Amino acid sequence: ALHERLVAAVPGLTLNGHPDERLPNTLNVSFPSVGGR
């Protein structure tokens, strides 16, 4: 649900990691055009 809300609000957001074989609590995403820090 967090991923879906971010995808809807941030065009170009990308997932890092396996889409399915992944820990159920972990979401690593890249925000376009800005630094994570």
Full PDB file with SEQRES, HELIX, SHEET, SSBOND, CRYST1, ORIGX, SCALE, CONECT and MASTER records, all heavy atoms in Angstrom:
SEQRES   1 A   37  ALA LEU HIS GLU ARG LEU VAL ALA ALA VAL PRO GLY LEU          
SEQRES   2 A   37  THR LEU ASN GLY HIS PRO ASP GLU ARG LEU PRO ASN THR          
SEQRES   3 A   37  LEU ASN VAL SER PHE PRO SER VAL GLY GLY ARG                  
HELIX    1 AA1 LEU A    2  ALA A    9  1                                   8    
SHEET    1 AA1 2 THR A  14  ASN A  16  0                                        
SHEET    2 AA1 2 ASN A  28  SER A  30 -1                                        
CRYST1    1.000    1.000    1.000  90.00  90.00  90.00 P 1           1          
ORIGX1      1.000000  0.000000  0.000000        0.00000                         
ORIGX2      0.000000  1.000000  0.000000        0.00000                         
ORIGX3      0.000000  0.000000  1.000000        0.00000                         
SCALE1      1.000000  0.000000  0.000000        0.00000                         
SCALE2      0.000000  1.000000  0.000000        0.00000                         
SCALE3      0.000000  0.000000  1.000000        0.00000                         
ATOM      1  N   ALA A   1       0.839  -1.208   0.000  1.00  0.00           N  
ATOM      2  CA  ALA A   1       0.000   0.000   0.000  1.00  0.00           C  
ATOM      3  C   ALA A   1       0.870   1.252   0.000  1.00  0.00           C  
ATOM      4  O   ALA A   1       0.567   2.231  -0.698  1.00  0.00           O  
ATOM      5  CB  ALA A   1      -0.910  -0.010   1.230  1.00  0.00           C  
ATOM      6  N   LEU A   2       1.956   1.223   0.750  1.00  0.00           N  
ATOM      7  CA  LEU A   2       2.893   2.343   0.748  1.00  0.00           C  
ATOM      8  C   LEU A   2       3.491   2.541  -0.641  1.00  0.00           C  
ATOM      9  O   LEU A   2       3.587   3.671  -1.137  1.00  0.00           O  
ATOM     10  CB  LEU A   2       4.000   2.065   1.773  1.00  0.00           C  
ATOM     11  CG  LEU A   2       5.160   3.055   1.839  1.00  0.00           C  
ATOM     12  CD1 LEU A   2       4.677   4.456   2.182  1.00  0.00           C  
ATOM     13  CD2 LEU A   2       6.200   2.581   2.870  1.00  0.00           C  
ATOM     14  N   HIS A   3       3.887   1.441  -1.252  1.00  0.00           N  
ATOM     15  CA  HIS A   3       4.454   1.515  -2.599  1.00  0.00           C  
ATOM     16  C   HIS A   3       3.455   2.111  -3.582  1.00  0.00           C  
ATOM     17  O   HIS A   3       3.787   2.996  -4.389  1.00  0.00           O  
ATOM     18  CB  HIS A   3       4.879   0.111  -3.046  1.00  0.00           C  
ATOM     19  CG  HIS A   3       5.685   0.098  -4.302  1.00  0.00           C  
ATOM     20  ND1 HIS A   3       5.886  -1.032  -5.044  1.00  0.00           N  
ATOM     21  CD2 HIS A   3       6.345   1.094  -4.962  1.00  0.00           C  
ATOM     22  CE1 HIS A   3       6.629  -0.742  -6.096  1.00  0.00           C  
ATOM     23  NE2 HIS A   3       6.920   0.544  -6.068  1.00  0.00           N  
ATOM     24  N   GLU A   4       2.215   1.652  -3.524  1.00  0.00           N  
ATOM     25  CA  GLU A   4       1.192   2.140  -4.452  1.00  0.00           C  
ATOM     26  C   GLU A   4       0.944   3.631  -4.271  1.00  0.00           C  
ATOM     27  O   GLU A   4       0.787   4.373  -5.261  1.00  0.00           O  
ATOM     28  CB  GLU A   4      -0.106   1.351  -4.240  1.00  0.00           C  
ATOM     29  CG  GLU A   4      -0.026  -0.095  -4.707  1.00  0.00           C  
ATOM     30  CD  GLU A   4      -1.218  -0.920  -4.258  1.00  0.00           C  
ATOM     31  OE1 GLU A   4      -2.165  -0.324  -3.680  1.00  0.00           O  
ATOM     32  OE2 GLU A   4      -1.200  -2.146  -4.465  1.00  0.00           O  
ATOM     33  N   ARG A   5       0.910   4.088  -3.030  1.00  0.00           N  
ATOM     34  CA  ARG A   5       0.684   5.524  -2.788  1.00  0.00           C  
ATOM     35  C   ARG A   5       1.855   6.349  -3.320  1.00  0.00           C  
ATOM     36  O   ARG A   5       1.649   7.434  -3.890  1.00  0.00           O  
ATOM     37  CB  ARG A   5       0.493   5.781  -1.296  1.00  0.00           C  
ATOM     38  CG  ARG A   5      -0.812   5.230  -0.731  1.00  0.00           C  
ATOM     39  CD  ARG A   5      -0.937   5.539   0.758  1.00  0.00           C  
ATOM     40  NE  ARG A   5      -1.256   6.938   0.977  1.00  0.00           N  
ATOM     41  CZ  ARG A   5      -2.496   7.420   1.098  1.00  0.00           C  
ATOM     42  NH1 ARG A   5      -3.538   6.605   1.000  1.00  0.00           N  
ATOM     43  NH2 ARG A   5      -2.705   8.709   1.314  1.00  0.00           N  
ATOM     44  N   LEU A   6       3.069   5.851  -3.162  1.00  0.00           N  
ATOM     45  CA  LEU A   6       4.228   6.586  -3.654  1.00  0.00           C  
ATOM     46  C   LEU A   6       4.278   6.601  -5.182  1.00  0.00           C  
ATOM     47  O   LEU A   6       4.601   7.621  -5.793  1.00  0.00           O  
ATOM     48  CB  LEU A   6       5.514   5.984  -3.085  1.00  0.00           C  
ATOM     49  CG  LEU A   6       5.759   6.220  -1.594  1.00  0.00           C  
ATOM     50  CD1 LEU A   6       6.978   5.445  -1.115  1.00  0.00           C  
ATOM     51  CD2 LEU A   6       5.927   7.717  -1.302  1.00  0.00           C  
ATOM     52  N   VAL A   7       3.964   5.465  -5.797  1.00  0.00           N  
ATOM     53  CA  VAL A   7       3.941   5.407  -7.260  1.00  0.00           C  
ATOM     54  C   VAL A   7       2.926   6.394  -7.822  1.00  0.00           C  
ATOM     55  O   VAL A   7       3.179   7.077  -8.834  1.00  0.00           O  
ATOM     56  CB  VAL A   7       3.623   3.975  -7.727  1.00  0.00           C  
ATOM     57  CG1 VAL A   7       3.261   3.948  -9.206  1.00  0.00           C  
ATOM     58  CG2 VAL A   7       4.804   3.046  -7.464  1.00  0.00           C  
ATOM     59  N   ALA A   8       1.760   6.491  -7.170  1.00  0.00           N  
ATOM     60  CA  ALA A   8       0.717   7.402  -7.644  1.00  0.00           C  
ATOM     61  C   ALA A   8       1.121   8.863  -7.496  1.00  0.00           C  
ATOM     62  O   ALA A   8       0.720   9.712  -8.307  1.00  0.00           O  
ATOM     63  CB  ALA A   8      -0.579   7.137  -6.878  1.00  0.00           C  
ATOM     64  N   ALA A   9       1.925   9.162  -6.482  1.00  0.00           N  
ATOM     65  CA  ALA A   9       2.261  10.556  -6.199  1.00  0.00           C  
ATOM     66  C   ALA A   9       3.585  11.003  -6.803  1.00  0.00           C  
ATOM     67  O   ALA A   9       3.809  12.212  -6.963  1.00  0.00           O  
ATOM     68  CB  ALA A   9       2.304  10.769  -4.684  1.00  0.00           C  
ATOM     69  N   VAL A  10       4.450  10.045  -7.145  1.00  0.00           N  
ATOM     70  CA  VAL A  10       5.798  10.380  -7.619  1.00  0.00           C  
ATOM     71  C   VAL A  10       6.032   9.721  -8.975  1.00  0.00           C  
ATOM     72  O   VAL A  10       6.448   8.558  -9.053  1.00  0.00           O  
ATOM     73  CB  VAL A  10       6.874   9.916  -6.609  1.00  0.00           C  
ATOM     74  CG1 VAL A  10       8.266  10.296  -7.110  1.00  0.00           C  
ATOM     75  CG2 VAL A  10       6.613  10.489  -5.227  1.00  0.00           C  
ATOM     76  N   PRO A  11       5.780  10.415 -10.075  1.00  0.00           N  
ATOM     77  CA  PRO A  11       6.028   9.837 -11.405  1.00  0.00           C  
ATOM     78  C   PRO A  11       7.511   9.473 -11.563  1.00  0.00           C  
ATOM     79  O   PRO A  11       8.389  10.256 -11.208  1.00  0.00           O  
ATOM     80  CB  PRO A  11       5.639  10.967 -12.363  1.00  0.00           C  
ATOM     81  CG  PRO A  11       4.718  11.842 -11.575  1.00  0.00           C  
ATOM     82  CD  PRO A  11       5.201  11.760 -10.152  1.00  0.00           C  
ATOM     83  N   GLY A  12       7.771   8.279 -12.071  1.00  0.00           N  
ATOM     84  CA  GLY A  12       9.145   7.854 -12.282  1.00  0.00           C  
ATOM     85  C   GLY A  12       9.776   7.153 -11.101  1.00  0.00           C  
ATOM     86  O   GLY A  12      10.954   6.774 -11.163  1.00  0.00           O  
ATOM     87  N   LEU A  13       9.030   6.960 -10.012  1.00  0.00           N  
ATOM     88  CA  LEU A  13       9.553   6.206  -8.871  1.00  0.00           C  
ATOM     89  C   LEU A  13       9.873   4.778  -9.305  1.00  0.00           C  
ATOM     90  O   LEU A  13       9.105   4.151 -10.016  1.00  0.00           O  
ATOM     91  CB  LEU A  13       8.509   6.178  -7.751  1.00  0.00           C  
ATOM     92  CG  LEU A  13       8.955   5.562  -6.432  1.00  0.00           C  
ATOM     93  CD1 LEU A  13       9.578   6.619  -5.543  1.00  0.00           C  
ATOM     94  CD2 LEU A  13       7.760   4.918  -5.715  1.00  0.00           C  
ATOM     95  N   THR A  14      11.021   4.243  -8.882  1.00  0.00           N  
ATOM     96  CA  THR A  14      11.418   2.898  -9.294  1.00  0.00           C  
ATOM     97  C   THR A  14      11.715   2.030  -8.080  1.00  0.00           C  
ATOM     98  O   THR A  14      12.258   2.492  -7.075  1.00  0.00           O  
ATOM     99  CB  THR A  14      12.666   2.927 -10.203  1.00  0.00           C  
ATOM    100  OG1 THR A  14      13.684   3.700  -9.567  1.00  0.00           O  
ATOM    101  CG2 THR A  14      12.336   3.535 -11.553  1.00  0.00           C  
ATOM    102  N   LEU A  15      11.351   0.764  -8.194  1.00  0.00           N  
ATOM    103  CA  LEU A  15      11.596  -0.216  -7.136  1.00  0.00           C  
ATOM    104  C   LEU A  15      12.999  -0.790  -7.285  1.00  0.00           C  
ATOM    105  O   LEU A  15      13.425  -1.156  -8.383  1.00  0.00           O  
ATOM    106  CB  LEU A  15      10.564  -1.341  -7.226  1.00  0.00           C  
ATOM    107  CG  LEU A  15      10.773  -2.534  -6.285  1.00  0.00           C  
ATOM    108  CD1 LEU A  15      10.511  -2.117  -4.843  1.00  0.00           C  
ATOM    109  CD2 LEU A  15       9.876  -3.699  -6.687  1.00  0.00           C  
ATOM    110  N   ASN A  16      13.703  -0.923  -6.168  1.00  0.00           N  
ATOM    111  CA  ASN A  16      15.009  -1.584  -6.135  1.00  0.00           C  
ATOM    112  C   ASN A  16      14.865  -2.891  -5.364  1.00  0.00           C  
ATOM    113  O   ASN A  16      14.416  -2.895  -4.220  1.00  0.00           O  
ATOM    114  CB  ASN A  16      16.043  -0.685  -5.455  1.00  0.00           C  
ATOM    115  CG  ASN A  16      16.195   0.650  -6.151  1.00  0.00           C  
ATOM    116  OD1 ASN A  16      16.269   0.721  -7.373  1.00  0.00           O  
ATOM    117  ND2 ASN A  16      16.238   1.729  -5.373  1.00  0.00           N  
ATOM    118  N   GLY A  17      15.245  -3.992  -5.991  1.00  0.00           N  
ATOM    119  CA  GLY A  17      15.104  -5.293  -5.343  1.00  0.00           C  
ATOM    120  C   GLY A  17      14.170  -6.180  -6.132  1.00  0.00           C  
ATOM    121  O   GLY A  17      13.580  -5.771  -7.136  1.00  0.00           O  
ATOM    122  N   HIS A  18      14.021  -7.412  -5.673  1.00  0.00           N  
ATOM    123  CA  HIS A  18      13.171  -8.366  -6.370  1.00  0.00           C  
ATOM    124  C   HIS A  18      11.704  -8.011  -6.142  1.00  0.00           C  
ATOM    125  O   HIS A  18      11.299  -7.721  -5.009  1.00  0.00           O  
ATOM    126  CB  HIS A  18      13.451  -9.779  -5.865  1.00  0.00           C  
ATOM    127  CG  HIS A  18      12.991 -10.847  -6.807  1.00  0.00           C  
ATOM    128  ND1 HIS A  18      11.651 -11.163  -6.967  1.00  0.00           N  
ATOM    129  CD2 HIS A  18      13.671 -11.667  -7.641  1.00  0.00           C  
ATOM    130  CE1 HIS A  18      11.540 -12.134  -7.853  1.00  0.00           C  
ATOM    131  NE2 HIS A  18      12.745 -12.449  -8.286  1.00  0.00           N  
ATOM    132  N   PRO A  19      10.877  -8.014  -7.194  1.00  0.00           N  
ATOM    133  CA  PRO A  19       9.476  -7.628  -7.023  1.00  0.00           C  
ATOM    134  C   PRO A  19       8.680  -8.599  -6.155  1.00  0.00           C  
ATOM    135  O   PRO A  19       7.691  -8.198  -5.523  1.00  0.00           O  
ATOM    136  CB  PRO A  19       8.938  -7.598  -8.455  1.00  0.00           C  
ATOM    137  CG  PRO A  19       9.866  -8.468  -9.234  1.00  0.00           C  
ATOM    138  CD  PRO A  19      11.209  -8.321  -8.600  1.00  0.00           C  
ATOM    139  N   ASP A  20       9.083  -9.863  -6.114  1.00  0.00           N  
ATOM    140  CA  ASP A  20       8.321 -10.873  -5.370  1.00  0.00           C  
ATOM    141  C   ASP A  20       9.140 -11.526  -4.262  1.00  0.00           C  
ATOM    142  O   ASP A  20       8.673 -11.643  -3.126  1.00  0.00           O  
ATOM    143  CB  ASP A  20       7.807 -11.956  -6.328  1.00  0.00           C  
ATOM    144  CG  ASP A  20       6.957 -11.376  -7.435  1.00  0.00           C  
ATOM    145  OD1 ASP A  20       6.036 -10.596  -7.124  1.00  0.00           O  
ATOM    146  OD2 ASP A  20       7.229 -11.675  -8.614  1.00  0.00           O  
ATOM    147  N   GLU A  21      10.342 -11.999  -4.584  1.00  0.00           N  
ATOM    148  CA  GLU A  21      11.189 -12.693  -3.603  1.00  0.00           C  
ATOM    149  C   GLU A  21      11.910 -11.655  -2.751  1.00  0.00           C  
ATOM    150  O   GLU A  21      13.074 -11.357  -2.940  1.00  0.00           O  
ATOM    151  CB  GLU A  21      12.184 -13.607  -4.321  1.00  0.00           C  
ATOM    152  CG  GLU A  21      11.543 -14.701  -5.151  1.00  0.00           C  
ATOM    153  CD  GLU A  21      10.711 -15.633  -4.289  1.00  0.00           C  
ATOM    154  OE1 GLU A  21      11.175 -15.994  -3.179  1.00  0.00           O  
ATOM    155  OE2 GLU A  21       9.594 -15.998  -4.699  1.00  0.00           O  
ATOM    156  N   ARG A  22      11.164 -11.141  -1.780  1.00  0.00           N  
ATOM    157  CA  ARG A  22      11.650 -10.008  -0.991  1.00  0.00           C  
ATOM    158  C   ARG A  22      11.059 -10.093   0.407  1.00  0.00           C  
ATOM    159  O   ARG A  22       9.966 -10.648   0.598  1.00  0.00           O  
ATOM    160  CB  ARG A  22      11.220  -8.710  -1.680  1.00  0.00           C  
ATOM    161  CG  ARG A  22      11.657  -7.431  -1.038  1.00  0.00           C  
ATOM    162  CD  ARG A  22      11.549  -6.261  -2.049  1.00  0.00           C  
ATOM    163  NE  ARG A  22      10.368  -6.317  -2.876  1.00  0.00           N  
ATOM    164  CZ  ARG A  22       9.330  -5.471  -2.765  1.00  0.00           C  
ATOM    165  NH1 ARG A  22       9.318  -4.532  -1.835  1.00  0.00           N  
ATOM    166  NH2 ARG A  22       8.299  -5.571  -3.575  1.00  0.00           N  
ATOM    167  N   LEU A  23      11.761  -9.579   1.388  1.00  0.00           N  
ATOM    168  CA  LEU A  23      11.221  -9.532   2.744  1.00  0.00           C  
ATOM    169  C   LEU A  23       9.879  -8.802   2.735  1.00  0.00           C  
ATOM    170  O   LEU A  23       9.736  -7.776   2.053  1.00  0.00           O  
ATOM    171  CB  LEU A  23      12.190  -8.807   3.679  1.00  0.00           C  
ATOM    172  CG  LEU A  23      13.490  -9.525   4.016  1.00  0.00           C  
ATOM    173  CD1 LEU A  23      14.402  -8.593   4.810  1.00  0.00           C  
ATOM    174  CD2 LEU A  23      13.229 -10.804   4.793  1.00  0.00           C  
ATOM    175  N   PRO A  24       8.906  -9.283   3.482  1.00  0.00           N  
ATOM    176  CA  PRO A  24       7.569  -8.687   3.416  1.00  0.00           C  
ATOM    177  C   PRO A  24       7.489  -7.273   3.969  1.00  0.00           C  
ATOM    178  O   PRO A  24       6.503  -6.571   3.702  1.00  0.00           O  
ATOM    179  CB  PRO A  24       6.721  -9.647   4.263  1.00  0.00           C  
ATOM    180  CG  PRO A  24       7.690 -10.316   5.175  1.00  0.00           C  
ATOM    181  CD  PRO A  24       8.955 -10.448   4.385  1.00  0.00           C  
ATOM    182  N   ASN A  25       8.500  -6.850   4.706  1.00  0.00           N  
ATOM    183  CA  ASN A  25       8.440  -5.527   5.334  1.00  0.00           C  
ATOM    184  C   ASN A  25       9.292  -4.479   4.632  1.00  0.00           C  
ATOM    185  O   ASN A  25       9.322  -3.328   5.069  1.00  0.00           O  
ATOM    186  CB  ASN A  25       8.915  -5.630   6.789  1.00  0.00           C  
ATOM    187  CG  ASN A  25      10.430  -5.710   6.890  1.00  0.00           C  
ATOM    188  OD1 ASN A  25      11.079  -6.433   6.134  1.00  0.00           O  
ATOM    189  ND2 ASN A  25      10.999  -4.958   7.805  1.00  0.00           N  
ATOM    190  N   THR A  26       9.994  -4.845   3.565  1.00  0.00           N  
ATOM    191  CA  THR A  26      11.038  -3.971   3.017  1.00  0.00           C  
ATOM    192  C   THR A  26      10.659  -3.384   1.664  1.00  0.00           C  
ATOM    193  O   THR A  26      10.258  -4.109   0.752  1.00  0.00           O  
ATOM    194  CB  THR A  26      12.368  -4.752   2.896  1.00  0.00           C  
ATOM    195  OG1 THR A  26      12.706  -5.301   4.174  1.00  0.00           O  
ATOM    196  CG2 THR A  26      13.492  -3.847   2.416  1.00  0.00           C  
ATOM    197  N   LEU A  27      10.830  -2.066   1.558  1.00  0.00           N  
ATOM    198  CA  LEU A  27      10.567  -1.346   0.310  1.00  0.00           C  
ATOM    199  C   LEU A  27      11.719  -0.374   0.071  1.00  0.00           C  
ATOM    200  O   LEU A  27      11.905   0.583   0.812  1.00  0.00           O  
ATOM    201  CB  LEU A  27       9.242  -0.581   0.401  1.00  0.00           C  
ATOM    202  CG  LEU A  27       8.878   0.290  -0.805  1.00  0.00           C  
ATOM    203  CD1 LEU A  27       8.619  -0.570  -2.045  1.00  0.00           C  
ATOM    204  CD2 LEU A  27       7.656   1.154  -0.502  1.00  0.00           C  
ATOM    205  N   ASN A  28      12.512  -0.637  -0.971  1.00  0.00           N  
ATOM    206  CA  ASN A  28      13.592   0.252  -1.358  1.00  0.00           C  
ATOM    207  C   ASN A  28      13.223   0.858  -2.706  1.00  0.00           C  
ATOM    208  O   ASN A  28      13.046   0.138  -3.686  1.00  0.00           O  
ATOM    209  CB  ASN A  28      14.917  -0.516  -1.453  1.00  0.00           C  
ATOM    210  CG  ASN A  28      16.116   0.408  -1.643  1.00  0.00           C  
ATOM    211  OD1 ASN A  28      16.155   1.196  -2.582  1.00  0.00           O  
ATOM    212  ND2 ASN A  28      17.089   0.290  -0.760  1.00  0.00           N  
ATOM    213  N   VAL A  29      13.081   2.176  -2.736  1.00  0.00           N  
ATOM    214  CA  VAL A  29      12.668   2.857  -3.963  1.00  0.00           C  
ATOM    215  C   VAL A  29      13.587   4.039  -4.237  1.00  0.00           C  
ATOM    216  O   VAL A  29      14.161   4.625  -3.319  1.00  0.00           O  
ATOM    217  CB  VAL A  29      11.204   3.357  -3.872  1.00  0.00           C  
ATOM    218  CG1 VAL A  29      10.232   2.191  -3.912  1.00  0.00           C  
ATOM    219  CG2 VAL A  29      10.985   4.199  -2.623  1.00  0.00           C  
ATOM    220  N   SER A  30      13.702   4.374  -5.516  1.00  0.00           N  
ATOM    221  CA  SER A  30      14.484   5.543  -5.926  1.00  0.00           C  
ATOM    222  C   SER A  30      13.545   6.647  -6.371  1.00  0.00           C  
ATOM    223  O   SER A  30      12.665   6.435  -7.230  1.00  0.00           O  
ATOM    224  CB  SER A  30      15.431   5.181  -7.071  1.00  0.00           C  
ATOM    225  OG  SER A  30      16.505   4.397  -6.610  1.00  0.00           O  
ATOM    226  N   PHE A  31      13.729   7.828  -5.786  1.00  0.00           N  
ATOM    227  CA  PHE A  31      12.962   9.013  -6.165  1.00  0.00           C  
ATOM    228  C   PHE A  31      13.710   9.727  -7.286  1.00  0.00           C  
ATOM    229  O   PHE A  31      14.903  10.006  -7.145  1.00  0.00           O  
ATOM    230  CB  PHE A  31      12.797   9.940  -4.963  1.00  0.00           C  
ATOM    231  CG  PHE A  31      11.851   9.433  -3.916  1.00  0.00           C  
ATOM    232  CD1 PHE A  31      12.244   8.447  -3.031  1.00  0.00           C  
ATOM    233  CD2 PHE A  31      10.558   9.927  -3.823  1.00  0.00           C  
ATOM    234  CE1 PHE A  31      11.378   7.967  -2.057  1.00  0.00           C  
ATOM    235  CE2 PHE A  31       9.676   9.458  -2.864  1.00  0.00           C  
ATOM    236  CZ  PHE A  31      10.085   8.467  -1.973  1.00  0.00           C  
ATOM    237  N   PRO A  32      13.049  10.023  -8.392  1.00  0.00           N  
ATOM    238  CA  PRO A  32      13.746  10.627  -9.531  1.00  0.00           C  
ATOM    239  C   PRO A  32      14.120  12.088  -9.285  1.00  0.00           C  
ATOM    240  O   PRO A  32      13.414  12.819  -8.590  1.00  0.00           O  
ATOM    241  CB  PRO A  32      12.712  10.517 -10.661  1.00  0.00           C  
ATOM    242  CG  PRO A  32      11.389  10.520  -9.964  1.00  0.00           C  
ATOM    243  CD  PRO A  32      11.618   9.788  -8.666  1.00  0.00           C  
ATOM    244  N   SER A  33      15.265  12.465  -9.827  1.00  0.00           N  
ATOM    245  CA  SER A  33      15.707  13.876  -9.900  1.00  0.00           C  
ATOM    246  C   SER A  33      16.075  14.487  -8.555  1.00  0.00           C  
ATOM    247  O   SER A  33      16.335  15.700  -8.487  1.00  0.00           O  
ATOM    248  CB  SER A  33      14.625  14.749 -10.559  1.00  0.00           C  
ATOM    249  OG  SER A  33      14.255  14.218 -11.822  1.00  0.00           O  
ATOM    250  N   VAL A  34      16.094  13.704  -7.472  1.00  0.00           N  
ATOM    251  CA  VAL A  34      16.498  14.250  -6.175  1.00  0.00           C  
ATOM    252  C   VAL A  34      17.427  13.250  -5.496  1.00  0.00           C  
ATOM    253  O   VAL A  34      17.436  12.064  -5.821  1.00  0.00           O  
ATOM    254  CB  VAL A  34      15.285  14.530  -5.252  1.00  0.00           C  
ATOM    255  CG1 VAL A  34      14.295  15.466  -5.917  1.00  0.00           C  
ATOM    256  CG2 VAL A  34      14.607  13.236  -4.834  1.00  0.00           C  
ATOM    257  N   GLY A  35      18.221  13.740  -4.553  1.00  0.00           N  
ATOM    258  CA  GLY A  35      19.071  12.859  -3.775  1.00  0.00           C  
ATOM    259  C   GLY A  35      18.312  12.330  -2.567  1.00  0.00           C  
ATOM    260  O   GLY A  35      17.532  13.064  -1.938  1.00  0.00           O  
ATOM    261  N   GLY A  36      18.525  11.066  -2.248  1.00  0.00           N  
ATOM    262  CA  GLY A  36      17.846  10.486  -1.106  1.00  0.00           C  
ATOM    263  C   GLY A  36      18.162  11.213   0.187  1.00  0.00           C  
ATOM    264  O   GLY A  36      17.295  11.413   1.042  1.00  0.00           O  
ATOM    265  N   ARG A  37      19.407  11.634   0.349  1.00  0.00           N  
ATOM    266  CA  ARG A  37      19.803  12.341   1.566  1.00  0.00           C  
ATOM    267  C   ARG A  37      19.072  13.673   1.688  1.00  0.00           C  
ATOM    268  O   ARG A  37      18.634  14.056   2.785  1.00  0.00           O  
ATOM    269  CB  ARG A  37      21.321  12.547   1.578  1.00  0.00           C  
ATOM    270  CG  ARG A  37      21.875  12.978   2.915  1.00  0.00           C  
ATOM    271  CD  ARG A  37      23.392  12.897   2.924  1.00  0.00           C  
ATOM    272  NE  ARG A  37      23.851  11.539   2.677  1.00  0.00           N  
ATOM    273  CZ  ARG A  37      23.909  10.598   3.613  1.00  0.00           C  
ATOM    274  NH1 ARG A  37      23.515  10.880   4.845  1.00  0.00           N  
ATOM    275  NH2 ARG A  37      24.345   9.395   3.327  1.00  0.00           N  
TER     276      ARG A  37                                                      
MASTER        0    0    0    1    2    0    0    6  275    1    0    3          
END                                                                             
